[in-house]
Protein backbone atom coordinates (compact mmCIF):
# COMPACT_ATOMS: atom_id res chain seq x y z
CA MET A 1 165.71 153.19 -72.93
CA ASP A 2 166.28 151.01 -69.71
CA ILE A 3 163.16 149.69 -68.20
CA GLY A 4 163.07 149.05 -64.47
CA PHE A 5 161.95 145.95 -62.81
CA PHE A 6 158.45 147.20 -62.13
CA ASP A 7 157.93 148.41 -65.61
CA ALA A 8 158.51 144.73 -66.79
CA VAL A 9 156.16 142.84 -64.42
CA PRO A 10 152.56 143.12 -63.62
CA THR A 11 151.78 145.70 -60.74
CA VAL A 12 148.89 146.82 -58.71
CA ASN A 13 148.38 150.41 -57.55
CA VAL A 14 147.19 150.83 -53.97
CA ARG A 15 146.03 153.99 -52.41
CA ILE A 16 146.42 154.11 -48.65
CA TRP A 17 145.68 156.70 -45.98
CA ARG A 18 148.88 158.75 -45.25
CA SER A 19 148.59 157.85 -41.66
CA ASP A 20 148.64 154.14 -42.47
CA ALA A 21 151.69 154.81 -44.53
CA ILE A 22 153.45 156.53 -41.88
CA VAL A 23 152.66 153.77 -39.39
CA LEU A 24 153.61 151.09 -41.76
CA PHE A 25 156.88 152.83 -42.82
CA ASP A 26 157.87 153.41 -39.11
CA TRP A 27 157.09 149.74 -38.25
CA LEU A 28 158.92 148.42 -41.17
CA THR A 29 162.08 150.40 -40.48
CA THR A 30 162.13 149.64 -36.89
CA THR A 31 161.24 145.75 -37.12
CA ASP A 32 163.71 143.07 -37.79
CA LEU A 33 161.93 141.01 -40.55
CA ASN A 34 163.87 138.02 -39.62
CA THR A 35 161.67 137.91 -36.31
CA VAL A 36 158.49 138.48 -38.17
CA PRO A 37 156.34 135.23 -38.30
CA ILE A 38 156.06 133.96 -41.87
CA THR A 39 155.01 130.66 -43.51
CA HIS A 40 156.81 131.43 -46.74
CA PRO A 41 159.99 133.36 -47.53
CA ALA A 42 157.97 135.42 -50.09
CA GLN A 43 156.07 137.07 -47.35
CA LYS A 44 159.31 138.55 -45.92
CA GLN A 45 160.45 139.61 -49.31
CA ALA A 46 156.96 141.27 -50.00
CA LEU A 47 157.32 143.21 -46.69
CA ALA A 48 160.85 144.42 -47.86
CA ASP A 49 159.42 145.32 -51.25
CA LEU A 50 156.61 147.31 -49.56
CA LEU A 51 159.34 149.21 -47.47
CA ALA A 52 161.21 149.98 -50.64
CA ARG A 53 158.06 151.40 -52.37
CA LEU A 54 157.27 153.47 -49.18
CA GLU A 55 160.81 154.85 -49.23
CA GLU A 56 160.37 155.99 -52.78
CA THR A 57 157.59 158.45 -51.52
CA GLY A 58 160.40 160.34 -49.96
CA ASP A 59 158.40 162.42 -47.41
CA LEU A 60 157.68 159.39 -45.10
CA MET A 61 161.44 159.22 -44.37
CA GLU A 62 161.15 162.72 -42.85
CA ALA A 63 158.27 162.07 -40.41
CA THR A 64 158.96 163.32 -37.10
CA GLU A 65 158.38 161.53 -33.82
CA ASP A 66 155.30 163.83 -33.22
CA GLU A 67 153.89 162.90 -36.77
CA ILE A 68 154.56 159.25 -36.16
CA GLY A 69 152.64 159.52 -32.74
CA ALA A 70 149.83 161.41 -34.23
CA ALA A 71 149.47 158.96 -37.17
CA GLN A 72 149.45 156.03 -34.66
CA GLY A 73 146.75 157.64 -32.83
CA GLU A 74 144.60 158.38 -35.91
CA VAL A 75 145.07 154.84 -37.23
CA ALA A 76 144.24 153.33 -33.70
CA ALA A 77 141.22 155.51 -33.31
CA ASN A 78 139.71 154.00 -36.50
CA MET A 79 140.32 150.44 -35.26
CA GLY A 80 137.00 148.41 -35.31
CA ARG A 81 135.08 150.82 -37.46
């Protein structure tokens, strides 16, 4: 049996609101990670890894522009709470 990378290293499970996941996925797929301010190369890699995990969920890749807009509105409405 071949084990994957994430089966061989310590991992953390994080549950996030679907709207947050949509907003993050949309941002990560439309942002040039080379332009994101970082203080260590591992930060850029961690963002790329987050995108890869979000891609694995499958249904985020099929979010429509309307769904993305609605998710952005929901997340923004909860700012400062």
